[in-house]
Structure formats: structure tokens, C-alpha cells
Amino acid sequence: MTPLVTAAVLLAAVTHAGWNAIAHRIPDKLTGFALISGGGLLIGAALVPFTTFPAAAAWPYLLASAAIHIAYYALLMRSFRLGDFGQAYPIARGSAPLLVTVLAAVFAHEVPDGPAVAGILLACTGLTGVALWGLRGRRPDWAAIGAALATGATIAGYTVVDGLGVRAAGSPLGYIACLMAVQGAVIPLWFLYRHRAGGWALLRPHARLGLLGAGMSVAAYALVLWAQTRAELAPIAALRESSVLVGAAIGAVFFKERFGVTRIVAAGLLVAGIGLMLHAG
């Protein structure tokens, strides 16, 4: 976790929280994700001729990741429909790093040392505090929580699959371009099937915002994929999920959700965890 890798992942965290906020802001979630996913398809297709094509060994990972990403989008849409942004986003993102740690140890043979484990646990504790704060003073909506946790499982799945795939690809930019091109058609096609008449009328008011979200989505994941070729998967996953604090700030500013002392304490734990991970690196 060099300073350059750290900066790239933190920038990805900010950008990721931004495009998720855009997706949440568009009232019809299928419309929003059709624009973001379709925009990713256009960006990926435009980049493919100018990048190195991924090596053959990377394609099983790329295709598996595309399938997991489609499930991720479907579950994230459901999470945003059922829960508040300040609840769904932190739970989905905060539940992933520990699972990534386990999967990376099993499949990538990346077993973190003591300080790294302590840093990951501290960071996850902070992330969990942000997530649980979103449930304050209300009865838990178990359907929303279940959808967010399932989203977190898909995040962990594609994080490890893509971490292995991008290392085999030989070109991080070529891998992300092909991944966006492969996975990007499914949700727009589903949108067109659901709205065979009048689809454009739904897309047009949100087209600029949705395409901005698409660009942010591609940029965020490209930064993470590059970082995964330079450092181990578990610390990157934990650091990347600092986006929940950015999401909490976005929720406070744009969705009028309180930030609260609990989130400040959680932020302190997250920073301490990041410090341990960087020291371990």
C-alpha cells in the first residue's frame, strides 16, 4: 500500500460514493441504473480499440465478474428502493471487507499479517458503526438489510474475481474496458423490455446525470483494478470502503440525513485501521 496506491483507492472511494448517490437520486431505480450501466457500455466500447486486449487467462474471471456485477446491480437497486441511502449504502459496502479478507486468503493465498488484520478489523468496526447508525431510532427493515447484505456479498465476490482477473490480463485498462462492454448491455436491455413504449421519455430527464454517474463508475473501478495489481486485495477492499463515510457526508448534505457523533467516532476507527494497514504494507 504505497502512497500512490492509497491515493488511487481513496479517490476511487470518493468517486464511487458519488455515482451511488446519483443512482439513488434518480427516482426510478431501473432508469438510473440503465443509464449508468449503458453509459459504462459506451465508455468501455470506446476504450477497447485503444487498449491492450486482456490475455486469454483473464477471460474466465472477466465473464464471471460480469455475471456477479449484474447480480450486484440488481441487489443494489432493490436496496435503494427499500432503504434510505444512509442505511443501504453503508451496510452494502461495510459488510464486504471481512469477506474479501477470507476469500483472498483462500483463492489468492494472501494471508495478512498481524498489523494488517488489526487494521482491517478496526476499519470494519468503523464501517459497521456507520452502517448501524443508519438504523437508529427505528425498527429494522429486514428486507432492506437483507438486500444490502446480499449486495455486500456480491461486492466481495467481484472484488476477488477481478483482483485475480486483472493480474492475469496484462492490462488493467483493457480489462476494465472489456468488462464494462460485456456487462453493460444487460440492464439497458431489461429496461427496454420493461418500457417498450415510452422508454426514452423516462431516460431523457435524467440522461446527463446518469451518464455522469457512468463516467464516475468506470473511473472508480478502473482505479481499484489498477491498485489490485500493486497491492493485496483485503487492504484495498477495506480502504476502498471508506466510501461509506463519503456516502454519509453526501447523505447529510444532499439528502438531509444527520451525520451524528457516532459517525465521527466510526470515522476515527476507520482512520486508525487505515493507518495500521499502511504500516503493515
C-alpha atoms as a PDB file:
ATOM      1  CA  MET A   1       0.000   0.000   0.000  1.00  0.00           C
ATOM      2  CA  THR A   2       2.287   2.751  -1.290  1.00  0.00           C
ATOM      3  CA  PRO A   3       1.153   6.393  -1.087  1.00  0.00           C
ATOM      4  CA  LEU A   4       0.229   6.317  -4.790  1.00  0.00           C
ATOM      5  CA  VAL A   5      -1.899   3.179  -4.392  1.00  0.00           C
ATOM      6  CA  THR A   6      -3.513   4.651  -1.279  1.00  0.00           C
ATOM      7  CA  ALA A   7      -4.338   7.891  -3.093  1.00  0.00           C
ATOM      8  CA  ALA A   8      -5.816   5.979  -6.046  1.00  0.00           C
ATOM      9  CA  VAL A   9      -8.074   3.884  -3.793  1.00  0.00           C
ATOM     10  CA  LEU A  10      -9.214   6.901  -1.769  1.00  0.00           C
ATOM     11  CA  LEU A  11     -10.051   8.762  -4.990  1.00  0.00           C
ATOM     12  CA  ALA A  12     -11.975   5.687  -6.120  1.00  0.00           C
ATOM     13  CA  ALA A  13     -13.878   5.702  -2.811  1.00  0.00           C
ATOM     14  CA  VAL A  14     -14.965   9.323  -3.268  1.00  0.00           C
ATOM     15  CA  THR A  15     -15.932   8.732  -6.904  1.00  0.00           C
ATOM     16  CA  HIS A  16     -17.826   5.547  -6.033  1.00  0.00           C
ATOM     17  CA  ALA A  17     -19.896   7.245  -3.343  1.00  0.00           C
ATOM     18  CA  GLY A  18     -20.689   9.967  -5.861  1.00  0.00           C
ATOM     19  CA  TRP A  19     -22.097   7.677  -8.543  1.00  0.00           C
ATOM     20  CA  ASN A  20     -24.098   5.720  -5.967  1.00  0.00           C
ATOM     21  CA  ALA A  21     -25.625   8.979  -4.757  1.00  0.00           C
ATOM     22  CA  ILE A  22     -26.537   9.810  -8.361  1.00  0.00           C
ATOM     23  CA  ALA A  23     -28.160   6.386  -8.762  1.00  0.00           C
ATOM     24  CA  HIS A  24     -30.134   6.914  -5.563  1.00  0.00           C
ATOM     25  CA  ARG A  25     -31.219  10.413  -6.578  1.00  0.00           C
ATOM     26  CA  ILE A  26     -32.884   9.277  -9.818  1.00  0.00           C
ATOM     27  CA  PRO A  27     -36.393   8.329  -8.641  1.00  0.00           C
ATOM     28  CA  ASP A  28     -36.906   5.274 -10.870  1.00  0.00           C
ATOM     29  CA  LYS A  29     -34.006   2.982  -9.969  1.00  0.00           C
ATOM     30  CA  LEU A  30     -34.188   0.907 -13.150  1.00  0.00           C
ATOM     31  CA  THR A  31     -33.966   4.104 -15.221  1.00  0.00           C
ATOM     32  CA  GLY A  32     -30.948   5.291 -13.248  1.00  0.00           C
ATOM     33  CA  PHE A  33     -29.075   2.015 -13.471  1.00  0.00           C
ATOM     34  CA  ALA A  34     -29.927   1.611 -17.155  1.00  0.00           C
ATOM     35  CA  LEU A  35     -28.271   4.975 -17.824  1.00  0.00           C
ATOM     36  CA  ILE A  36     -25.240   4.214 -15.644  1.00  0.00           C
ATOM     37  CA  SER A  37     -24.771   0.685 -16.966  1.00  0.00           C
ATOM     38  CA  GLY A  38     -25.451   1.710 -20.568  1.00  0.00           C
ATOM     39  CA  GLY A  39     -23.049   4.623 -20.233  1.00  0.00           C
ATOM     40  CA  GLY A  40     -20.425   2.200 -18.952  1.00  0.00           C
ATOM     41  CA  LEU A  41     -21.025   0.053 -22.025  1.00  0.00           C
ATOM     42  CA  LEU A  42     -20.427   3.054 -24.323  1.00  0.00           C
ATOM     43  CA  ILE A  43     -17.263   4.074 -22.450  1.00  0.00           C
ATOM     44  CA  GLY A  44     -15.922   0.530 -22.459  1.00  0.00           C
ATOM     45  CA  ALA A  45     -16.645   0.038 -26.166  1.00  0.00           C
ATOM     46  CA  ALA A  46     -14.961   3.361 -26.972  1.00  0.00           C
ATOM     47  CA  LEU A  47     -11.841   2.385 -24.993  1.00  0.00           C
ATOM     48  CA  VAL A  48     -11.444  -1.163 -26.365  1.00  0.00           C
ATOM     49  CA  PRO A  49      -9.735  -0.145 -29.683  1.00  0.00           C
ATOM     50  CA  PHE A  50      -7.145   1.909 -27.772  1.00  0.00           C
ATOM     51  CA  THR A  51      -6.205  -0.659 -25.122  1.00  0.00           C
ATOM     52  CA  THR A  52      -4.351  -3.939 -24.959  1.00  0.00           C
ATOM     53  CA  PHE A  53      -6.813  -6.834 -25.208  1.00  0.00           C
ATOM     54  CA  PRO A  54      -6.863  -8.908 -21.989  1.00  0.00           C
ATOM     55  CA  ALA A  55      -4.897 -12.170 -22.097  1.00  0.00           C
ATOM     56  CA  ALA A  56      -6.883 -15.378 -22.604  1.00  0.00           C
ATOM     57  CA  ALA A  57      -6.265 -16.425 -18.985  1.00  0.00           C
ATOM     58  CA  ALA A  58      -8.215 -13.381 -17.769  1.00  0.00           C
ATOM     59  CA  TRP A  59     -11.452 -14.070 -19.642  1.00  0.00           C
ATOM     60  CA  PRO A  60     -12.960 -16.687 -17.287  1.00  0.00           C
ATOM     61  CA  TYR A  61     -12.552 -14.178 -14.464  1.00  0.00           C
ATOM     62  CA  LEU A  62     -13.916 -11.337 -16.595  1.00  0.00           C
ATOM     63  CA  LEU A  63     -17.047 -13.270 -17.580  1.00  0.00           C
ATOM     64  CA  ALA A  64     -17.625 -14.438 -14.005  1.00  0.00           C
ATOM     65  CA  SER A  65     -17.210 -10.868 -12.802  1.00  0.00           C
ATOM     66  CA  ALA A  66     -19.718  -9.602 -15.375  1.00  0.00           C
ATOM     67  CA  ALA A  67     -22.312 -12.072 -14.056  1.00  0.00           C
ATOM     68  CA  ILE A  68     -21.608 -11.080 -10.434  1.00  0.00           C
ATOM     69  CA  HIS A  69     -21.804  -7.388 -11.321  1.00  0.00           C
ATOM     70  CA  ILE A  70     -25.242  -7.872 -12.879  1.00  0.00           C
ATOM     71  CA  ALA A  71     -26.422  -9.506  -9.641  1.00  0.00           C
ATOM     72  CA  TYR A  72     -24.789  -6.631  -7.735  1.00  0.00           C
ATOM     73  CA  TYR A  73     -26.688  -4.010  -9.734  1.00  0.00           C
ATOM     74  CA  ALA A  74     -29.982  -5.855  -9.264  1.00  0.00           C
ATOM     75  CA  LEU A  75     -29.466  -6.142  -5.498  1.00  0.00           C
ATOM     76  CA  LEU A  76     -28.264  -2.550  -5.186  1.00  0.00           C
ATOM     77  CA  MET A  77     -31.378  -1.328  -7.000  1.00  0.00           C
ATOM     78  CA  ARG A  78     -33.501  -3.316  -4.564  1.00  0.00           C
ATOM     79  CA  SER A  79     -31.538  -1.931  -1.596  1.00  0.00           C
ATOM     80  CA  PHE A  80     -32.076   1.639  -2.761  1.00  0.00           C
ATOM     81  CA  ARG A  81     -35.791   1.015  -3.335  1.00  0.00           C
ATOM     82  CA  LEU A  82     -36.296  -0.473   0.132  1.00  0.00           C
ATOM     83  CA  GLY A  83     -33.959   1.584   2.326  1.00  0.00           C
ATOM     84  CA  ASP A  84     -32.535   5.058   2.810  1.00  0.00           C
ATOM     85  CA  PHE A  85     -29.236   5.885   1.137  1.00  0.00           C
ATOM     86  CA  GLY A  86     -27.628   6.381   4.564  1.00  0.00           C
ATOM     87  CA  GLN A  87     -28.659   2.848   5.528  1.00  0.00           C
ATOM     88  CA  ALA A  88     -28.360   0.794   2.344  1.00  0.00           C
ATOM     89  CA  TYR A  89     -25.017   2.145   1.123  1.00  0.00           C
ATOM     90  CA  PRO A  90     -23.021   1.706   4.372  1.00  0.00           C
ATOM     91  CA  ILE A  91     -24.353  -1.795   5.037  1.00  0.00           C
ATOM     92  CA  ALA A  92     -23.624  -2.943   1.490  1.00  0.00           C
ATOM     93  CA  ARG A  93     -20.112  -1.509   1.440  1.00  0.00           C
ATOM     94  CA  GLY A  94     -19.230  -2.137   5.074  1.00  0.00           C
ATOM     95  CA  SER A  95     -20.091  -5.828   5.026  1.00  0.00           C
ATOM     96  CA  ALA A  96     -17.672  -6.654   2.191  1.00  0.00           C
ATOM     97  CA  PRO A  97     -14.074  -6.195   3.504  1.00  0.00           C
ATOM     98  CA  LEU A  98     -14.023  -9.063   6.025  1.00  0.00           C
ATOM     99  CA  LEU A  99     -15.425 -11.464   3.446  1.00  0.00           C
ATOM    100  CA  VAL A 100     -12.819 -10.239   0.947  1.00  0.00           C
ATOM    101  CA  THR A 101     -10.110 -10.980   3.529  1.00  0.00           C
ATOM    102  CA  VAL A 102     -11.301 -14.578   3.829  1.00  0.00           C
ATOM    103  CA  LEU A 103     -11.747 -15.096   0.084  1.00  0.00           C
ATOM    104  CA  ALA A 104      -8.377 -13.530  -0.720  1.00  0.00           C
ATOM    105  CA  ALA A 105      -6.676 -15.851   1.759  1.00  0.00           C
ATOM    106  CA  VAL A 106      -8.364 -18.901   0.209  1.00  0.00           C
ATOM    107  CA  PHE A 107      -8.165 -18.086  -3.507  1.00  0.00           C
ATOM    108  CA  ALA A 108      -5.276 -15.622  -3.823  1.00  0.00           C
ATOM    109  CA  HIS A 109      -3.162 -17.026  -0.967  1.00  0.00           C
ATOM    110  CA  GLU A 110      -2.896 -13.543   0.547  1.00  0.00           C
ATOM    111  CA  VAL A 111      -2.807 -14.102   4.303  1.00  0.00           C
ATOM    112  CA  PRO A 112      -2.488 -10.749   6.106  1.00  0.00           C
ATOM    113  CA  ASP A 113      -0.054 -10.349   8.984  1.00  0.00           C
ATOM    114  CA  GLY A 114      -0.978  -9.216  12.500  1.00  0.00           C
ATOM    115  CA  PRO A 115      -0.979  -5.429  11.963  1.00  0.00           C
ATOM    116  CA  ALA A 116      -2.876  -5.805   8.694  1.00  0.00           C
ATOM    117  CA  VAL A 117      -5.533  -7.990  10.354  1.00  0.00           C
ATOM    118  CA  ALA A 118      -5.854  -5.485  13.215  1.00  0.00           C
ATOM    119  CA  GLY A 119      -6.174  -2.647  10.704  1.00  0.00           C
ATOM    120  CA  ILE A 120      -8.827  -4.474   8.684  1.00  0.00           C
ATOM    121  CA  LEU A 121     -10.811  -5.297  11.854  1.00  0.00           C
ATOM    122  CA  LEU A 122     -10.622  -1.697  13.082  1.00  0.00           C
ATOM    123  CA  ALA A 123     -11.667  -0.371   9.676  1.00  0.00           C
ATOM    124  CA  CYS A 124     -14.568  -2.835   9.526  1.00  0.00           C
ATOM    125  CA  THR A 125     -15.637  -1.828  13.037  1.00  0.00           C
ATOM    126  CA  GLY A 126     -15.766   1.777  11.931  1.00  0.00           C
ATOM    127  CA  LEU A 127     -17.674   0.867   8.784  1.00  0.00           C
ATOM    128  CA  THR A 128     -20.127  -1.220  10.823  1.00  0.00           C
ATOM    129  CA  GLY A 129     -20.670   1.710  13.182  1.00  0.00           C
ATOM    130  CA  VAL A 130     -21.639   3.911  10.251  1.00  0.00           C
ATOM    131  CA  ALA A 131     -23.967   1.201   8.943  1.00  0.00           C
ATOM    132  CA  LEU A 132     -25.689   0.571  12.289  1.00  0.00           C
ATOM    133  CA  TRP A 133     -26.102   4.306  12.884  1.00  0.00           C
ATOM    134  CA  GLY A 134     -28.397   4.318   9.877  1.00  0.00           C
ATOM    135  CA  LEU A 135     -30.797   2.106  11.863  1.00  0.00           C
ATOM    136  CA  ARG A 136     -31.043   4.424  14.881  1.00  0.00           C
ATOM    137  CA  GLY A 137     -34.430   5.022  16.423  1.00  0.00           C
ATOM    138  CA  ARG A 138     -36.385   2.783  14.089  1.00  0.00           C
ATOM    139  CA  ARG A 139     -37.422  -0.813  13.699  1.00  0.00           C
ATOM    140  CA  PRO A 140     -35.013  -2.656  11.416  1.00  0.00           C
ATOM    141  CA  ASP A 141     -36.339  -3.173   7.900  1.00  0.00           C
ATOM    142  CA  TRP A 142     -35.077  -6.715   7.464  1.00  0.00           C
ATOM    143  CA  ALA A 143     -35.888  -6.825   3.758  1.00  0.00           C
ATOM    144  CA  ALA A 144     -33.760  -3.723   3.153  1.00  0.00           C
ATOM    145  CA  ILE A 145     -30.982  -5.012   5.415  1.00  0.00           C
ATOM    146  CA  GLY A 146     -31.029  -8.415   3.721  1.00  0.00           C
ATOM    147  CA  ALA A 147     -30.786  -6.845   0.274  1.00  0.00           C
ATOM    148  CA  ALA A 148     -27.891  -4.645   1.422  1.00  0.00           C
ATOM    149  CA  LEU A 149     -26.035  -7.607   2.968  1.00  0.00           C
ATOM    150  CA  ALA A 150     -26.549  -9.650  -0.190  1.00  0.00           C
ATOM    151  CA  THR A 151     -25.173  -6.692  -2.140  1.00  0.00           C
ATOM    152  CA  GLY A 152     -22.118  -6.773   0.124  1.00  0.00           C
ATOM    153  CA  ALA A 153     -21.595 -10.454  -0.691  1.00  0.00           C
ATOM    154  CA  THR A 154     -21.570  -9.688  -4.416  1.00  0.00           C
ATOM    155  CA  ILE A 155     -19.102  -6.852  -3.793  1.00  0.00           C
ATOM    156  CA  ALA A 156     -16.758  -9.278  -2.063  1.00  0.00           C
ATOM    157  CA  GLY A 157     -17.213 -11.785  -4.894  1.00  0.00           C
ATOM    158  CA  TYR A 158     -16.379  -9.467  -7.767  1.00  0.00           C
ATOM    159  CA  THR A 159     -13.550  -7.828  -5.795  1.00  0.00           C
ATOM    160  CA  VAL A 160     -11.680 -11.123  -5.506  1.00  0.00           C
ATOM    161  CA  VAL A 161     -12.586 -12.361  -9.001  1.00  0.00           C
ATOM    162  CA  ASP A 162     -11.461  -9.095 -10.588  1.00  0.00           C
ATOM    163  CA  GLY A 163      -8.352  -8.962  -8.439  1.00  0.00           C
ATOM    164  CA  LEU A 164      -7.281 -12.305  -9.900  1.00  0.00           C
ATOM    165  CA  GLY A 165      -8.526 -11.448 -13.397  1.00  0.00           C
ATOM    166  CA  VAL A 166      -6.806  -8.091 -13.759  1.00  0.00           C
ATOM    167  CA  ARG A 167      -3.489  -9.624 -12.690  1.00  0.00           C
ATOM    168  CA  ALA A 168      -3.845 -12.236 -15.414  1.00  0.00           C
ATOM    169  CA  ALA A 169      -4.997  -9.701 -18.028  1.00  0.00           C
ATOM    170  CA  GLY A 170      -1.727  -7.878 -18.589  1.00  0.00           C
ATOM    171  CA  SER A 171      -3.600  -4.592 -18.988  1.00  0.00           C
ATOM    172  CA  PRO A 172      -5.811  -3.065 -16.254  1.00  0.00           C
ATOM    173  CA  LEU A 173      -7.327  -0.576 -18.714  1.00  0.00           C
ATOM    174  CA  GLY A 174      -8.033  -3.299 -21.273  1.00  0.00           C
ATOM    175  CA  TYR A 175      -9.667  -5.420 -18.569  1.00  0.00           C
ATOM    176  CA  ILE A 176     -11.971  -2.645 -17.328  1.00  0.00           C
ATOM    177  CA  ALA A 177     -12.904  -1.649 -20.905  1.00  0.00           C
ATOM    178  CA  CYS A 178     -13.893  -5.198 -21.835  1.00  0.00           C
ATOM    179  CA  LEU A 179     -15.658  -5.748 -18.508  1.00  0.00           C
ATOM    180  CA  MET A 180     -17.795  -2.648 -18.995  1.00  0.00           C
ATOM    181  CA  ALA A 181     -18.549  -3.629 -22.595  1.00  0.00           C
ATOM    182  CA  VAL A 182     -19.568  -7.186 -21.631  1.00  0.00           C
ATOM    183  CA  GLN A 183     -21.717  -6.434 -18.600  1.00  0.00           C
ATOM    184  CA  GLY A 184     -23.143  -3.094 -19.685  1.00  0.00           C
ATOM    185  CA  ALA A 185     -25.885  -4.289 -22.044  1.00  0.00           C
ATOM    186  CA  VAL A 186     -27.984  -6.415 -19.680  1.00  0.00           C
ATOM    187  CA  ILE A 187     -29.706  -3.752 -17.580  1.00  0.00           C
ATOM    188  CA  PRO A 188     -30.421  -1.407 -20.526  1.00  0.00           C
ATOM    189  CA  LEU A 189     -31.942  -4.362 -22.411  1.00  0.00           C
ATOM    190  CA  TRP A 190     -34.074  -5.202 -19.381  1.00  0.00           C
ATOM    191  CA  PHE A 191     -35.148  -1.553 -19.215  1.00  0.00           C
ATOM    192  CA  LEU A 192     -36.155  -1.614 -22.887  1.00  0.00           C
ATOM    193  CA  TYR A 193     -38.114  -4.822 -22.314  1.00  0.00           C
ATOM    194  CA  ARG A 194     -39.943  -3.301 -19.338  1.00  0.00           C
ATOM    195  CA  HIS A 195     -40.592   0.016 -21.104  1.00  0.00           C
ATOM    196  CA  ARG A 196     -41.053  -0.918 -24.745  1.00  0.00           C
ATOM    197  CA  ALA A 197     -43.219   2.177 -25.165  1.00  0.00           C
ATOM    198  CA  GLY A 198     -42.167   5.466 -23.660  1.00  0.00           C
ATOM    199  CA  GLY A 199     -38.701   4.386 -22.527  1.00  0.00           C
ATOM    200  CA  TRP A 200     -36.982   7.443 -23.949  1.00  0.00           C
ATOM    201  CA  ALA A 201     -39.392   9.717 -22.077  1.00  0.00           C
ATOM    202  CA  LEU A 202     -38.187   8.145 -18.832  1.00  0.00           C
ATOM    203  CA  LEU A 203     -34.496   8.351 -19.751  1.00  0.00           C
ATOM    204  CA  ARG A 204     -34.358  11.859 -21.180  1.00  0.00           C
ATOM    205  CA  PRO A 205     -34.847  13.926 -17.965  1.00  0.00           C
ATOM    206  CA  HIS A 206     -32.018  12.060 -16.231  1.00  0.00           C
ATOM    207  CA  ALA A 207     -29.695  11.364 -19.178  1.00  0.00           C
ATOM    208  CA  ARG A 208     -26.957  13.853 -18.269  1.00  0.00           C
ATOM    209  CA  LEU A 209     -26.953  12.889 -14.606  1.00  0.00           C
ATOM    210  CA  GLY A 210     -26.968   9.174 -15.429  1.00  0.00           C
ATOM    211  CA  LEU A 211     -24.110   9.467 -17.924  1.00  0.00           C
ATOM    212  CA  LEU A 212     -22.101  11.454 -15.374  1.00  0.00           C
ATOM    213  CA  GLY A 213     -22.678   8.573 -12.964  1.00  0.00           C
ATOM    214  CA  ALA A 214     -21.490   6.143 -15.637  1.00  0.00           C
ATOM    215  CA  GLY A 215     -18.231   8.024 -16.101  1.00  0.00           C
ATOM    216  CA  MET A 216     -17.674   8.144 -12.347  1.00  0.00           C
ATOM    217  CA  SER A 217     -18.444   4.428 -12.035  1.00  0.00           C
ATOM    218  CA  VAL A 218     -15.924   3.436 -14.712  1.00  0.00           C
ATOM    219  CA  ALA A 219     -13.250   5.747 -13.294  1.00  0.00           C
ATOM    220  CA  ALA A 220     -13.759   4.477  -9.738  1.00  0.00           C
ATOM    221  CA  TYR A 221     -13.453   0.826 -10.688  1.00  0.00           C
ATOM    222  CA  ALA A 222     -10.547   1.395 -13.060  1.00  0.00           C
ATOM    223  CA  LEU A 223      -8.599   2.955 -10.184  1.00  0.00           C
ATOM    224  CA  VAL A 224      -9.386  -0.006  -7.937  1.00  0.00           C
ATOM    225  CA  LEU A 225      -8.394  -2.553 -10.582  1.00  0.00           C
ATOM    226  CA  TRP A 226      -5.095  -0.786 -11.136  1.00  0.00           C
ATOM    227  CA  ALA A 227      -4.490  -0.752  -7.368  1.00  0.00           C
ATOM    228  CA  GLN A 228      -5.196  -4.502  -7.203  1.00  0.00           C
ATOM    229  CA  THR A 229      -2.211  -5.103  -9.489  1.00  0.00           C
ATOM    230  CA  ARG A 230       0.007  -3.241  -6.998  1.00  0.00           C
ATOM    231  CA  ALA A 231      -1.143  -4.430  -3.549  1.00  0.00           C
ATOM    232  CA  GLU A 232      -3.059  -7.195  -1.760  1.00  0.00           C
ATOM    233  CA  LEU A 233      -6.815  -7.418  -2.111  1.00  0.00           C
ATOM    234  CA  ALA A 234      -8.007  -7.251   1.518  1.00  0.00           C
ATOM    235  CA  PRO A 235      -6.372  -3.919   2.494  1.00  0.00           C
ATOM    236  CA  ILE A 236      -7.559  -2.372  -0.774  1.00  0.00           C
ATOM    237  CA  ALA A 237     -11.106  -3.569  -0.086  1.00  0.00           C
ATOM    238  CA  ALA A 238     -11.096  -2.137   3.440  1.00  0.00           C
ATOM    239  CA  LEU A 239      -9.596   1.171   2.308  1.00  0.00           C
ATOM    240  CA  ARG A 240     -11.981   1.430  -0.627  1.00  0.00           C
ATOM    241  CA  GLU A 241     -14.968   1.082   1.667  1.00  0.00           C
ATOM    242  CA  SER A 242     -14.040   4.354   3.318  1.00  0.00           C
ATOM    243  CA  SER A 243     -16.532   5.491   0.690  1.00  0.00           C
ATOM    244  CA  VAL A 244     -19.231   4.880   3.318  1.00  0.00           C
ATOM    245  CA  LEU A 245     -18.023   7.984   5.147  1.00  0.00           C
ATOM    246  CA  VAL A 246     -18.195   9.958   1.905  1.00  0.00           C
ATOM    247  CA  GLY A 247     -21.660   8.478   1.429  1.00  0.00           C
ATOM    248  CA  ALA A 248     -22.622   9.583   4.936  1.00  0.00           C
ATOM    249  CA  ALA A 249     -21.443  13.114   4.166  1.00  0.00           C
ATOM    250  CA  ILE A 250     -23.381  13.107   0.888  1.00  0.00           C
ATOM    251  CA  GLY A 251     -26.442  11.884   2.762  1.00  0.00           C
ATOM    252  CA  ALA A 252     -26.093  14.727   5.270  1.00  0.00           C
ATOM    253  CA  VAL A 253     -25.591  17.449   2.641  1.00  0.00           C
ATOM    254  CA  PHE A 254     -27.902  16.344  -0.179  1.00  0.00           C
ATOM    255  CA  PHE A 255     -30.452  14.019   1.460  1.00  0.00           C
ATOM    256  CA  LYS A 256     -30.697  15.940   4.764  1.00  0.00           C
ATOM    257  CA  GLU A 257     -29.622  12.963   6.896  1.00  0.00           C
ATOM    258  CA  ARG A 258     -27.877  13.672  10.206  1.00  0.00           C
ATOM    259  CA  PHE A 259     -24.173  12.841  10.447  1.00  0.00           C
ATOM    260  CA  GLY A 260     -24.007  12.432  14.232  1.00  0.00           C
ATOM    261  CA  VAL A 261     -21.306  11.783  16.846  1.00  0.00           C
ATOM    262  CA  THR A 262     -21.434   8.036  16.204  1.00  0.00           C
ATOM    263  CA  ARG A 263     -20.270   8.534  12.647  1.00  0.00           C
ATOM    264  CA  ILE A 264     -17.439  10.783  13.840  1.00  0.00           C
ATOM    265  CA  VAL A 265     -16.261   8.030  16.230  1.00  0.00           C
ATOM    266  CA  ALA A 266     -16.625   5.474  13.445  1.00  0.00           C
ATOM    267  CA  ALA A 267     -14.523   7.698  11.203  1.00  0.00           C
ATOM    268  CA  GLY A 268     -11.786   7.734  13.844  1.00  0.00           C
ATOM    269  CA  LEU A 269     -11.763   3.933  13.984  1.00  0.00           C
ATOM    270  CA  LEU A 270     -11.622   3.771  10.201  1.00  0.00           C
ATOM    271  CA  VAL A 271      -8.658   6.164  10.058  1.00  0.00           C
ATOM    272  CA  ALA A 272      -6.853   4.163  12.751  1.00  0.00           C
ATOM    273  CA  GLY A 273      -7.467   0.959  10.793  1.00  0.00           C
ATOM    274  CA  ILE A 274      -6.156   2.520   7.601  1.00  0.00           C
ATOM    275  CA  GLY A 275      -3.048   3.656   9.452  1.00  0.00           C
ATOM    276  CA  LEU A 276      -2.356   0.097  10.641  1.00  0.00           C
ATOM    277  CA  MET A 277      -2.880  -1.291   7.147  1.00  0.00           C
ATOM    278  CA  LEU A 278      -0.466   1.217   5.660  1.00  0.00           C
ATOM    279  CA  HIS A 279       2.094   0.461   8.370  1.00  0.00           C
ATOM    280  CA  ALA A 280       1.722  -3.255   7.635  1.00  0.00           C
ATOM    281  CA  GLY A 281       2.282  -2.540   3.926  1.00  0.00           C
END
